[in-house]
Amino acid sequence: EATLDSETFILHPDFQTRFEYGMPRRMLSYRVHITHIYGKPVLSVVIWMTEEDYPGPGRNRLVETVAGRHQLTFEFVEVRLWELDPEPVLAAREAALLPLVPLMGRPSEDVLRRAVSLAGTVLDEQERADIYTGIWVLGGLRYSRDLMRSMIRSDQMSRSVTYEELGEEGVLKGALRARRDDIIEALEERVGAVPGEL
C-alpha cells in the first residue's frame, strides 16, 4: 500500500528483462485480481531492468473494442532503470534499493563499487548478505561475472537465503548433468553411439 498526494492505493510493481506481447493483458489481469482481493485502486508499474529487449514506448497499454464499441483502456506505468540516475539512491543510503543501482544510469564500475561499499554498512548480517546477493545477481545482468566476483565474495553472500537457493539449484543442475551423463554412458554400452539430439 502506498500514499501519494493524499491518495492511497496498492502499488503493483512487475520487474522485466524482456518484452512479452501478452504483457498488457497479464498486467491487467493482475490489477483486476489485486483490486478484487483488496478493494483498493491499483497502480500497475513495469520496471524494465535492461535496455536490451525493451520494445520502445507505446507497448504499455491495452485497448479493446468489441462490436464496434470501446470497452476498455488499460495502461501501466513504465520505469526504465537505465534512464534513472543512481546518485539519489546512493546519497539516500536506502539499502533496499541498492540491488537496483547496478542497472541505473550508464554502466559504471565506480557506481557499482559504491553500491557494494554501502551494502557493507548494513548492520543486520542477514539483510547485508541479501543485499550483496541482490547486487551480485542484478549486477550480473550488466557487468561481467569476473567483475562481480572481484567486488563481492561468496562469503559475503553466504547468509542469504537467496544465495543458498542459487547454490542448491547449481548443485542440483550439476547432479542432473552427471545423472544424464551416466544414462548416456549406459545407453552407449548397450546400443552404441547416442545421437546428440537424443
N, C-alpha and C. Protein backbone atom coordinates (compact mmCIF):
# COMPACT_ATOMS: atom_id res chain seq x y z
N GLU A 1 0.84 -1.17 0.00
CA GLU A 1 0.00 0.00 0.00
C GLU A 1 0.89 1.24 0.00
N ALA A 2 0.48 2.23 -0.77
CA ALA A 2 1.26 3.47 -0.89
C ALA A 2 0.32 4.66 -0.82
N THR A 3 0.87 5.79 -0.47
CA THR A 3 0.10 7.03 -0.44
C THR A 3 0.89 8.10 -1.18
N LEU A 4 0.22 8.78 -2.10
CA LEU A 4 0.85 9.85 -2.86
C LEU A 4 -0.18 10.97 -3.01
N ASP A 5 0.18 12.18 -2.60
CA ASP A 5 -0.74 13.32 -2.67
C ASP A 5 -2.08 12.98 -2.01
N SER A 6 -2.01 12.40 -0.84
CA SER A 6 -3.16 12.00 0.00
C SER A 6 -4.06 10.94 -0.66
N GLU A 7 -3.59 10.31 -1.72
CA GLU A 7 -4.34 9.22 -2.34
C GLU A 7 -3.68 7.90 -1.97
N THR A 8 -4.47 6.99 -1.43
CA THR A 8 -3.95 5.68 -1.02
C THR A 8 -4.30 4.65 -2.09
N PHE A 9 -3.32 3.83 -2.46
CA PHE A 9 -3.52 2.82 -3.49
C PHE A 9 -2.53 1.68 -3.25
N ILE A 10 -2.71 0.63 -4.00
CA ILE A 10 -1.78 -0.50 -3.95
C ILE A 10 -0.83 -0.36 -5.12
N LEU A 11 0.44 -0.36 -4.82
CA LEU A 11 1.47 -0.29 -5.85
C LEU A 11 1.82 -1.71 -6.27
N HIS A 12 1.64 -2.00 -7.55
CA HIS A 12 1.95 -3.32 -8.06
C HIS A 12 3.11 -3.22 -9.05
N PRO A 13 4.35 -3.49 -8.58
CA PRO A 13 5.50 -3.46 -9.49
C PRO A 13 5.72 -4.83 -10.12
N ASP A 14 6.15 -4.83 -11.36
CA ASP A 14 6.48 -6.06 -12.06
C ASP A 14 7.83 -5.83 -12.75
N PHE A 15 8.83 -6.63 -12.40
CA PHE A 15 10.18 -6.45 -12.94
C PHE A 15 10.33 -7.28 -14.21
N GLN A 16 10.86 -6.66 -15.27
CA GLN A 16 11.00 -7.34 -16.55
C GLN A 16 12.40 -7.16 -17.13
N THR A 17 12.90 -8.23 -17.75
CA THR A 17 14.14 -8.13 -18.52
C THR A 17 13.86 -8.27 -20.00
N ARG A 18 12.65 -8.77 -20.34
CA ARG A 18 12.34 -8.90 -21.76
C ARG A 18 10.86 -8.66 -22.00
N PHE A 19 10.55 -8.24 -23.21
CA PHE A 19 9.17 -7.91 -23.57
C PHE A 19 8.42 -9.17 -23.98
N GLU A 20 7.17 -9.22 -23.55
CA GLU A 20 6.25 -10.28 -23.97
C GLU A 20 5.01 -9.60 -24.54
N TYR A 21 4.53 -10.06 -25.68
CA TYR A 21 3.40 -9.41 -26.32
C TYR A 21 2.14 -9.44 -25.45
N GLY A 22 2.01 -10.45 -24.62
CA GLY A 22 0.84 -10.56 -23.75
C GLY A 22 0.96 -9.76 -22.46
N MET A 23 2.02 -8.97 -22.32
CA MET A 23 2.27 -8.26 -21.06
C MET A 23 1.13 -7.32 -20.65
N PRO A 24 0.58 -6.47 -21.56
CA PRO A 24 -0.51 -5.59 -21.12
C PRO A 24 -1.71 -6.37 -20.58
N ARG A 25 -2.07 -7.46 -21.24
CA ARG A 25 -3.20 -8.26 -20.77
C ARG A 25 -2.88 -8.92 -19.42
N ARG A 26 -1.65 -9.38 -19.26
CA ARG A 26 -1.24 -10.00 -18.00
C ARG A 26 -1.26 -8.98 -16.87
N MET A 27 -0.75 -7.77 -17.13
CA MET A 27 -0.75 -6.72 -16.11
C MET A 27 -2.19 -6.34 -15.73
N LEU A 28 -3.08 -6.30 -16.71
CA LEU A 28 -4.49 -6.02 -16.42
C LEU A 28 -5.08 -7.12 -15.55
N SER A 29 -4.75 -8.35 -15.87
CA SER A 29 -5.25 -9.49 -15.09
C SER A 29 -4.80 -9.38 -13.63
N TYR A 30 -3.52 -9.06 -13.42
CA TYR A 30 -3.02 -8.88 -12.05
C TYR A 30 -3.79 -7.76 -11.35
N ARG A 31 -3.98 -6.65 -12.06
CA ARG A 31 -4.65 -5.50 -11.48
C ARG A 31 -6.06 -5.84 -11.04
N VAL A 32 -6.81 -6.53 -11.89
CA VAL A 32 -8.19 -6.91 -11.57
C VAL A 32 -8.19 -7.83 -10.35
N HIS A 33 -7.27 -8.76 -10.32
CA HIS A 33 -7.19 -9.71 -9.20
C HIS A 33 -6.87 -8.99 -7.89
N ILE A 34 -5.89 -8.09 -7.91
CA ILE A 34 -5.50 -7.35 -6.71
C ILE A 34 -6.64 -6.46 -6.24
N THR A 35 -7.32 -5.78 -7.17
CA THR A 35 -8.46 -4.92 -6.82
C THR A 35 -9.57 -5.75 -6.18
N HIS A 36 -9.82 -6.93 -6.73
CA HIS A 36 -10.86 -7.82 -6.20
C HIS A 36 -10.54 -8.24 -4.77
N ILE A 37 -9.28 -8.56 -4.50
CA ILE A 37 -8.89 -9.02 -3.17
C ILE A 37 -8.91 -7.89 -2.14
N TYR A 38 -8.33 -6.73 -2.50
CA TYR A 38 -8.14 -5.66 -1.53
C TYR A 38 -9.15 -4.51 -1.63
N GLY A 39 -9.89 -4.44 -2.72
CA GLY A 39 -10.90 -3.40 -2.87
C GLY A 39 -10.35 -1.99 -2.91
N LYS A 40 -9.12 -1.85 -3.39
CA LYS A 40 -8.50 -0.52 -3.47
C LYS A 40 -7.97 -0.31 -4.88
N PRO A 41 -7.77 0.96 -5.25
CA PRO A 41 -7.18 1.23 -6.57
C PRO A 41 -5.76 0.67 -6.65
N VAL A 42 -5.35 0.32 -7.85
CA VAL A 42 -4.04 -0.27 -8.07
C VAL A 42 -3.28 0.54 -9.10
N LEU A 43 -2.02 0.85 -8.78
CA LEU A 43 -1.13 1.47 -9.77
C LEU A 43 -0.19 0.39 -10.26
N SER A 44 -0.33 0.02 -11.51
CA SER A 44 0.49 -1.03 -12.12
C SER A 44 1.73 -0.41 -12.75
N VAL A 45 2.89 -0.95 -12.40
CA VAL A 45 4.16 -0.41 -12.88
C VAL A 45 5.04 -1.55 -13.37
N VAL A 46 5.55 -1.42 -14.58
CA VAL A 46 6.54 -2.38 -15.08
C VAL A 46 7.91 -1.70 -14.98
N ILE A 47 8.82 -2.36 -14.28
CA ILE A 47 10.16 -1.84 -14.11
C ILE A 47 11.07 -2.60 -15.07
N TRP A 48 11.52 -1.90 -16.10
CA TRP A 48 12.41 -2.50 -17.09
C TRP A 48 13.83 -2.50 -16.54
N MET A 49 14.42 -3.68 -16.44
CA MET A 49 15.73 -3.80 -15.81
C MET A 49 16.87 -3.59 -16.79
N THR A 50 16.68 -3.99 -18.04
CA THR A 50 17.74 -3.83 -19.04
C THR A 50 17.14 -3.27 -20.33
N GLU A 51 17.96 -2.54 -21.04
CA GLU A 51 17.54 -1.91 -22.28
C GLU A 51 17.53 -2.90 -23.44
N GLU A 52 18.20 -4.01 -23.26
CA GLU A 52 18.45 -4.97 -24.34
C GLU A 52 17.20 -5.39 -25.09
N ASP A 53 16.12 -5.75 -24.40
CA ASP A 53 14.93 -6.24 -25.07
C ASP A 53 13.74 -5.30 -24.87
N TYR A 54 14.03 -4.05 -24.54
CA TYR A 54 12.95 -3.08 -24.36
C TYR A 54 12.33 -2.77 -25.72
N PRO A 55 11.00 -2.89 -25.85
CA PRO A 55 10.37 -2.73 -27.16
C PRO A 55 10.16 -1.28 -27.59
N GLY A 56 10.45 -0.33 -26.72
CA GLY A 56 10.20 1.07 -27.01
C GLY A 56 8.85 1.49 -26.45
N PRO A 57 8.61 2.80 -26.38
CA PRO A 57 7.37 3.30 -25.80
C PRO A 57 6.15 2.90 -26.61
N GLY A 58 5.01 2.92 -25.95
CA GLY A 58 3.75 2.64 -26.64
C GLY A 58 3.26 1.21 -26.53
N ARG A 59 4.02 0.35 -25.87
CA ARG A 59 3.60 -1.05 -25.71
C ARG A 59 3.04 -1.30 -24.31
N ASN A 60 2.69 -0.23 -23.59
CA ASN A 60 2.26 -0.37 -22.22
C ASN A 60 0.75 -0.15 -22.05
N ARG A 61 0.02 -0.40 -23.11
CA ARG A 61 -1.43 -0.22 -22.98
C ARG A 61 -2.19 -1.28 -23.75
N LEU A 62 -3.41 -1.46 -23.29
CA LEU A 62 -4.33 -2.41 -23.91
C LEU A 62 -5.63 -1.67 -24.18
N VAL A 63 -6.07 -1.70 -25.42
CA VAL A 63 -7.34 -1.07 -25.79
C VAL A 63 -8.19 -2.14 -26.45
N GLU A 64 -9.42 -2.28 -25.97
CA GLU A 64 -10.31 -3.29 -26.55
C GLU A 64 -11.59 -2.64 -27.06
N THR A 65 -11.93 -3.03 -28.27
CA THR A 65 -13.20 -2.61 -28.86
C THR A 65 -13.95 -3.88 -29.24
N VAL A 66 -15.18 -3.97 -28.81
CA VAL A 66 -15.99 -5.16 -29.09
C VAL A 66 -17.27 -4.70 -29.78
N ALA A 67 -17.57 -5.32 -30.90
CA ALA A 67 -18.77 -4.99 -31.68
C ALA A 67 -18.84 -3.49 -31.97
N GLY A 68 -17.68 -2.92 -32.28
CA GLY A 68 -17.64 -1.51 -32.62
C GLY A 68 -17.73 -0.56 -31.44
N ARG A 69 -17.76 -1.10 -30.23
CA ARG A 69 -17.88 -0.26 -29.04
C ARG A 69 -16.61 -0.34 -28.21
N HIS A 70 -16.12 0.82 -27.82
CA HIS A 70 -14.94 0.86 -26.96
C HIS A 70 -15.31 0.28 -25.60
N GLN A 71 -14.60 -0.75 -25.18
CA GLN A 71 -14.91 -1.43 -23.93
C GLN A 71 -13.89 -1.19 -22.83
N LEU A 72 -12.62 -1.00 -23.23
CA LEU A 72 -11.59 -0.98 -22.21
C LEU A 72 -10.35 -0.24 -22.68
N THR A 73 -9.78 0.55 -21.79
CA THR A 73 -8.44 1.10 -21.99
C THR A 73 -7.69 0.88 -20.68
N PHE A 74 -6.56 0.22 -20.77
CA PHE A 74 -5.72 -0.02 -19.58
C PHE A 74 -4.30 0.36 -19.94
N GLU A 75 -3.65 1.07 -19.04
CA GLU A 75 -2.27 1.48 -19.28
C GLU A 75 -1.47 1.33 -17.99
N PHE A 76 -0.28 0.77 -18.11
CA PHE A 76 0.59 0.68 -16.94
C PHE A 76 1.76 1.64 -17.09
N VAL A 77 2.33 2.02 -15.96
CA VAL A 77 3.46 2.94 -15.93
C VAL A 77 4.73 2.15 -16.24
N GLU A 78 5.63 2.75 -16.99
CA GLU A 78 6.92 2.12 -17.26
C GLU A 78 8.03 2.89 -16.55
N VAL A 79 8.92 2.14 -15.91
CA VAL A 79 10.13 2.72 -15.32
C VAL A 79 11.30 2.02 -15.98
N ARG A 80 12.16 2.78 -16.62
CA ARG A 80 13.32 2.21 -17.30
C ARG A 80 14.55 2.53 -16.45
N LEU A 81 15.08 1.50 -15.77
CA LEU A 81 16.16 1.72 -14.81
C LEU A 81 17.37 2.41 -15.42
N TRP A 82 17.70 2.11 -16.65
CA TRP A 82 18.89 2.69 -17.28
C TRP A 82 18.74 4.20 -17.49
N GLU A 83 17.51 4.72 -17.37
CA GLU A 83 17.29 6.15 -17.50
C GLU A 83 17.32 6.87 -16.16
N LEU A 84 17.42 6.11 -15.07
CA LEU A 84 17.42 6.72 -13.73
C LEU A 84 18.84 7.00 -13.25
N ASP A 85 19.00 8.11 -12.59
CA ASP A 85 20.28 8.49 -12.00
C ASP A 85 20.47 7.74 -10.69
N PRO A 86 21.56 6.98 -10.54
CA PRO A 86 21.77 6.23 -9.30
C PRO A 86 22.18 7.11 -8.11
N GLU A 87 22.61 8.32 -8.38
CA GLU A 87 23.14 9.17 -7.31
C GLU A 87 22.16 9.43 -6.17
N PRO A 88 20.89 9.75 -6.44
CA PRO A 88 19.96 9.95 -5.32
C PRO A 88 19.81 8.71 -4.43
N VAL A 89 19.82 7.53 -5.03
CA VAL A 89 19.71 6.29 -4.25
C VAL A 89 20.96 6.10 -3.39
N LEU A 90 22.12 6.34 -3.99
CA LEU A 90 23.36 6.22 -3.22
C LEU A 90 23.42 7.26 -2.11
N ALA A 91 23.00 8.48 -2.40
CA ALA A 91 23.03 9.54 -1.40
C ALA A 91 22.06 9.28 -0.25
N ALA A 92 20.91 8.69 -0.56
CA ALA A 92 19.91 8.39 0.47
C ALA A 92 20.31 7.19 1.32
N ARG A 93 21.27 6.41 0.82
CA ARG A 93 21.74 5.22 1.53
C ARG A 93 20.58 4.26 1.84
N GLU A 94 19.66 4.18 0.88
CA GLU A 94 18.49 3.32 1.03
C GLU A 94 18.88 1.89 0.66
N ALA A 95 19.16 1.09 1.69
CA ALA A 95 19.71 -0.25 1.49
C ALA A 95 18.86 -1.13 0.59
N ALA A 96 17.53 -1.05 0.73
CA ALA A 96 16.65 -1.93 -0.04
C ALA A 96 16.74 -1.67 -1.54
N LEU A 97 17.17 -0.47 -1.94
CA LEU A 97 17.26 -0.14 -3.37
C LEU A 97 18.64 -0.40 -3.96
N LEU A 98 19.62 -0.71 -3.12
CA LEU A 98 20.99 -0.90 -3.61
C LEU A 98 21.12 -1.98 -4.69
N PRO A 99 20.37 -3.10 -4.64
CA PRO A 99 20.50 -4.09 -5.72
C PRO A 99 20.12 -3.56 -7.10
N LEU A 100 19.31 -2.49 -7.15
CA LEU A 100 18.92 -1.92 -8.44
C LEU A 100 19.96 -0.95 -9.00
N VAL A 101 20.84 -0.45 -8.15
CA VAL A 101 21.81 0.56 -8.56
C VAL A 101 22.68 0.11 -9.75
N PRO A 102 23.14 -1.14 -9.81
CA PRO A 102 23.98 -1.53 -10.96
C PRO A 102 23.28 -1.39 -12.32
N LEU A 103 21.95 -1.34 -12.31
CA LEU A 103 21.20 -1.24 -13.56
C LEU A 103 20.80 0.19 -13.89
N MET A 104 21.12 1.12 -13.00
CA MET A 104 20.72 2.52 -13.20
C MET A 104 21.80 3.29 -13.96
N GLY A 105 21.34 4.25 -14.76
CA GLY A 105 22.27 5.11 -15.49
C GLY A 105 23.14 4.32 -16.46
N ARG A 106 24.26 4.92 -16.82
CA ARG A 106 25.22 4.24 -17.70
C ARG A 106 26.05 3.26 -16.89
N PRO A 107 26.54 2.19 -17.50
CA PRO A 107 27.39 1.27 -16.75
C PRO A 107 28.59 2.01 -16.16
N SER A 108 28.83 1.78 -14.87
CA SER A 108 29.92 2.46 -14.19
C SER A 108 30.45 1.57 -13.07
N GLU A 109 31.72 1.18 -13.19
CA GLU A 109 32.32 0.38 -12.13
C GLU A 109 32.37 1.16 -10.83
N ASP A 110 32.55 2.47 -10.91
CA ASP A 110 32.59 3.29 -9.71
C ASP A 110 31.25 3.25 -8.98
N VAL A 111 30.15 3.39 -9.71
CA VAL A 111 28.82 3.33 -9.10
C VAL A 111 28.59 1.95 -8.49
N LEU A 112 28.97 0.92 -9.20
CA LEU A 112 28.84 -0.45 -8.69
C LEU A 112 29.64 -0.60 -7.40
N ARG A 113 30.86 -0.14 -7.40
CA ARG A 113 31.73 -0.23 -6.22
C ARG A 113 31.13 0.52 -5.02
N ARG A 114 30.54 1.68 -5.27
CA ARG A 114 29.92 2.45 -4.20
C ARG A 114 28.70 1.74 -3.63
N ALA A 115 27.91 1.10 -4.50
CA ALA A 115 26.75 0.34 -4.02
C ALA A 115 27.19 -0.81 -3.13
N VAL A 116 28.24 -1.52 -3.55
CA VAL A 116 28.78 -2.63 -2.76
C VAL A 116 29.30 -2.12 -1.42
N SER A 117 29.98 -0.99 -1.44
CA SER A 117 30.52 -0.39 -0.22
C SER A 117 29.39 -0.03 0.75
N LEU A 118 28.32 0.56 0.23
CA LEU A 118 27.18 0.91 1.08
C LEU A 118 26.50 -0.33 1.65
N ALA A 119 26.45 -1.39 0.86
CA ALA A 119 25.87 -2.65 1.35
C ALA A 119 26.63 -3.13 2.58
N GLY A 120 27.94 -2.91 2.59
CA GLY A 120 28.78 -3.32 3.72
C GLY A 120 28.48 -2.58 5.01
N THR A 121 27.75 -1.47 4.92
CA THR A 121 27.42 -0.69 6.13
C THR A 121 26.12 -1.15 6.78
N VAL A 122 25.41 -2.06 6.15
CA VAL A 122 24.15 -2.56 6.73
C VAL A 122 24.49 -3.41 7.95
N LEU A 123 23.88 -3.09 9.07
CA LEU A 123 24.25 -3.74 10.33
C LEU A 123 23.75 -5.18 10.45
N ASP A 124 22.52 -5.42 10.04
CA ASP A 124 21.97 -6.77 10.16
C ASP A 124 22.66 -7.70 9.16
N GLU A 125 23.24 -8.78 9.69
CA GLU A 125 24.06 -9.68 8.86
C GLU A 125 23.27 -10.34 7.73
N GLN A 126 22.05 -10.81 8.06
CA GLN A 126 21.20 -11.46 7.05
C GLN A 126 20.81 -10.46 5.95
N GLU A 127 20.38 -9.27 6.37
CA GLU A 127 19.99 -8.25 5.40
C GLU A 127 21.17 -7.85 4.52
N ARG A 128 22.33 -7.70 5.12
CA ARG A 128 23.54 -7.34 4.38
C ARG A 128 23.85 -8.42 3.33
N ALA A 129 23.76 -9.69 3.74
CA ALA A 129 24.02 -10.79 2.80
C ALA A 129 23.00 -10.79 1.66
N ASP A 130 21.74 -10.51 1.99
CA ASP A 130 20.70 -10.45 0.95
C ASP A 130 20.97 -9.31 -0.04
N ILE A 131 21.42 -8.17 0.47
CA ILE A 131 21.71 -7.03 -0.41
C ILE A 131 22.92 -7.33 -1.30
N TYR A 132 23.96 -7.92 -0.72
CA TYR A 132 25.11 -8.33 -1.54
C TYR A 132 24.65 -9.28 -2.65
N THR A 133 23.81 -10.24 -2.29
CA THR A 133 23.33 -11.22 -3.27
C THR A 133 22.51 -10.52 -4.36
N GLY A 134 21.65 -9.58 -3.96
CA GLY A 134 20.86 -8.83 -4.94
C GLY A 134 21.73 -8.04 -5.90
N ILE A 135 22.75 -7.38 -5.35
CA ILE A 135 23.67 -6.62 -6.20
C ILE A 135 24.41 -7.56 -7.15
N TRP A 136 24.82 -8.71 -6.65
CA TRP A 136 25.57 -9.68 -7.45
C TRP A 136 24.70 -10.23 -8.59
N VAL A 137 23.45 -10.61 -8.25
CA VAL A 137 22.57 -11.20 -9.27
C VAL A 137 22.16 -10.16 -10.31
N LEU A 138 21.68 -9.00 -9.86
CA LEU A 138 21.22 -7.98 -10.81
C LEU A 138 22.39 -7.33 -11.53
N GLY A 139 23.50 -7.13 -10.84
CA GLY A 139 24.69 -6.59 -11.49
C GLY A 139 25.17 -7.49 -12.62
N GLY A 140 24.92 -8.80 -12.46
CA GLY A 140 25.30 -9.77 -13.49
C GLY A 140 24.53 -9.60 -14.79
N LEU A 141 23.42 -8.85 -14.76
CA LEU A 141 22.69 -8.57 -16.00
C LEU A 141 23.42 -7.56 -16.87
N ARG A 142 24.36 -6.82 -16.25
CA ARG A 142 25.02 -5.75 -16.98
C ARG A 142 26.54 -5.87 -16.99
N TYR A 143 27.11 -6.44 -15.95
CA TYR A 143 28.57 -6.50 -15.80
C TYR A 143 29.05 -7.94 -15.89
N SER A 144 30.33 -8.09 -16.18
CA SER A 144 30.90 -9.43 -16.33
C SER A 144 30.93 -10.16 -14.99
N ARG A 145 30.90 -11.45 -15.08
CA ARG A 145 30.97 -12.30 -13.89
C ARG A 145 32.27 -12.05 -13.13
N ASP A 146 33.35 -11.89 -13.87
CA ASP A 146 34.65 -11.65 -13.22
C ASP A 146 34.63 -10.36 -12.42
N LEU A 147 34.04 -9.31 -12.98
CA LEU A 147 33.97 -8.04 -12.26
C LEU A 147 33.12 -8.20 -11.00
N MET A 148 31.98 -8.87 -11.13
CA MET A 148 31.11 -9.06 -9.97
C MET A 148 31.84 -9.86 -8.88
N ARG A 149 32.57 -10.90 -9.29
CA ARG A 149 33.33 -11.71 -8.31
C ARG A 149 34.43 -10.90 -7.65
N SER A 150 35.00 -9.95 -8.39
CA SER A 150 36.07 -9.15 -7.81
C SER A 150 35.54 -8.16 -6.76
N MET A 151 34.25 -7.84 -6.83
CA MET A 151 33.67 -6.86 -5.90
C MET A 151 32.92 -7.50 -4.74
N ILE A 152 32.35 -8.68 -4.98
CA ILE A 152 31.57 -9.34 -3.93
C ILE A 152 32.04 -10.78 -3.82
N ARG A 153 32.50 -11.15 -2.64
CA ARG A 153 32.98 -12.50 -2.39
C ARG A 153 31.80 -13.40 -1.99
N SER A 154 31.92 -14.68 -2.23
CA SER A 154 30.85 -15.61 -1.90
C SER A 154 30.57 -15.64 -0.39
N ASP A 155 31.60 -15.46 0.45
CA ASP A 155 31.36 -15.48 1.89
C ASP A 155 30.52 -14.28 2.34
N GLN A 156 30.52 -13.19 1.57
CA GLN A 156 29.70 -12.04 1.92
C GLN A 156 28.21 -12.31 1.66
N MET A 157 27.92 -13.30 0.83
CA MET A 157 26.54 -13.63 0.49
C MET A 157 26.06 -14.88 1.22
N SER A 158 26.93 -15.55 1.92
CA SER A 158 26.64 -16.89 2.43
C SER A 158 25.44 -16.97 3.38
N ARG A 159 25.08 -15.91 4.05
CA ARG A 159 23.93 -15.95 4.97
C ARG A 159 22.61 -15.63 4.28
N SER A 160 22.65 -15.39 3.00
CA SER A 160 21.44 -15.05 2.24
C SER A 160 20.70 -16.32 1.83
N VAL A 161 19.39 -16.34 2.09
CA VAL A 161 18.56 -17.47 1.69
C VAL A 161 18.57 -17.60 0.16
N THR A 162 18.52 -16.46 -0.53
CA THR A 162 18.55 -16.46 -1.99
C THR A 162 19.84 -17.09 -2.50
N TYR A 163 20.96 -16.71 -1.90
CA TYR A 163 22.25 -17.26 -2.31
C TYR A 163 22.29 -18.76 -2.08
N GLU A 164 21.75 -19.21 -0.94
CA GLU A 164 21.71 -20.64 -0.65
C GLU A 164 20.90 -21.38 -1.70
N GLU A 165 19.74 -20.78 -2.07
CA GLU A 165 18.90 -21.43 -3.08
C GLU A 165 19.59 -21.48 -4.43
N LEU A 166 20.28 -20.39 -4.79
CA LEU A 166 21.03 -20.39 -6.05
C LEU A 166 22.10 -21.48 -6.03
N GLY A 167 22.76 -21.62 -4.89
CA GLY A 167 23.78 -22.66 -4.75
C GLY A 167 23.18 -24.04 -4.85
N GLU A 168 22.03 -24.25 -4.18
CA GLU A 168 21.36 -25.56 -4.24
C GLU A 168 20.92 -25.87 -5.66
N GLU A 169 20.42 -24.86 -6.36
CA GLU A 169 19.99 -25.06 -7.75
C GLU A 169 21.19 -25.45 -8.61
N GLY A 170 22.33 -24.79 -8.37
CA GLY A 170 23.55 -25.13 -9.11
C GLY A 170 23.99 -26.55 -8.83
N VAL A 171 23.91 -26.97 -7.57
CA VAL A 171 24.27 -28.34 -7.20
C VAL A 171 23.32 -29.32 -7.87
N LEU A 172 22.01 -28.99 -7.86
CA LEU A 172 21.02 -29.85 -8.48
C LEU A 172 21.27 -29.98 -9.98
N LYS A 173 21.56 -28.84 -10.64
CA LYS A 173 21.84 -28.90 -12.08
C LYS A 173 23.07 -29.75 -12.36
N GLY A 174 24.09 -29.60 -11.50
CA GLY A 174 25.30 -30.41 -11.66
C GLY A 174 25.00 -31.89 -11.49
N ALA A 175 24.17 -32.21 -10.51
CA ALA A 175 23.79 -33.61 -10.27
C ALA A 175 22.98 -34.15 -11.44
N LEU A 176 22.08 -33.34 -11.99
CA LEU A 176 21.28 -33.78 -13.14
C LEU A 176 22.16 -34.00 -14.36
N ARG A 177 23.16 -33.12 -14.56
CA ARG A 177 24.10 -33.31 -15.67
C ARG A 177 24.87 -34.61 -15.51
N ALA A 178 25.32 -34.87 -14.28
CA ALA A 178 26.08 -36.10 -14.02
C ALA A 178 25.19 -37.32 -14.26
N ARG A 179 23.93 -37.25 -13.80
CA ARG A 179 23.00 -38.37 -13.99
C ARG A 179 22.74 -38.58 -15.48
N ARG A 180 22.56 -37.48 -16.24
CA ARG A 180 22.34 -37.57 -17.68
C ARG A 180 23.54 -38.24 -18.35
N ASP A 181 24.75 -37.83 -17.94
CA ASP A 181 25.97 -38.42 -18.50
C ASP A 181 26.05 -39.91 -18.20
N ASP A 182 25.61 -40.32 -17.00
CA ASP A 182 25.59 -41.75 -16.64
C ASP A 182 24.62 -42.52 -17.53
N ILE A 183 23.45 -41.92 -17.81
CA ILE A 183 22.45 -42.58 -18.65
C ILE A 183 22.98 -42.72 -20.08
N ILE A 184 23.61 -41.67 -20.59
CA ILE A 184 24.17 -41.72 -21.95
C ILE A 184 25.25 -42.80 -22.02
N GLU A 185 26.09 -42.87 -21.01
CA GLU A 185 27.15 -43.88 -20.99
C GLU A 185 26.56 -45.28 -20.99
N ALA A 186 25.51 -45.50 -20.20
CA ALA A 186 24.86 -46.82 -20.14
C ALA A 186 24.24 -47.17 -21.50
N LEU A 187 23.59 -46.18 -22.13
CA LEU A 187 23.00 -46.42 -23.45
C LEU A 187 24.06 -46.76 -24.48
N GLU A 188 25.18 -46.02 -24.45
CA GLU A 188 26.24 -46.27 -25.42
C GLU A 188 26.83 -47.66 -25.26
N GLU A 189 26.90 -48.15 -24.03
CA GLU A 189 27.40 -49.51 -23.80
C GLU A 189 26.47 -50.55 -24.39
N ARG A 190 25.15 -50.28 -24.36
CA ARG A 190 24.18 -51.26 -24.84
C ARG A 190 23.88 -51.16 -26.33
N VAL A 191 23.74 -49.87 -26.84
CA VAL A 191 23.27 -49.74 -28.21
C VAL A 191 24.24 -48.98 -29.13
N GLY A 192 25.35 -48.53 -28.62
CA GLY A 192 26.29 -47.77 -29.43
C GLY A 192 26.12 -46.26 -29.24
N ALA A 193 26.69 -45.49 -30.15
CA ALA A 193 26.68 -44.04 -30.02
C ALA A 193 25.27 -43.47 -29.93
N VAL A 194 25.09 -42.50 -29.03
CA VAL A 194 23.79 -41.86 -28.84
C VAL A 194 23.82 -40.52 -29.57
N PRO A 195 22.87 -40.27 -30.51
CA PRO A 195 22.85 -39.00 -31.22
C PRO A 195 22.69 -37.82 -30.25
N GLY A 196 23.34 -36.70 -30.56
CA GLY A 196 23.32 -35.53 -29.69
C GLY A 196 21.91 -35.02 -29.39
N GLU A 197 21.01 -35.03 -30.40
CA GLU A 197 19.67 -34.51 -30.18
C GLU A 197 18.87 -35.37 -29.19
N LEU A 198 19.24 -36.67 -29.11
CA LEU A 198 18.58 -37.55 -28.15
C LEU A 198 19.02 -37.22 -26.75
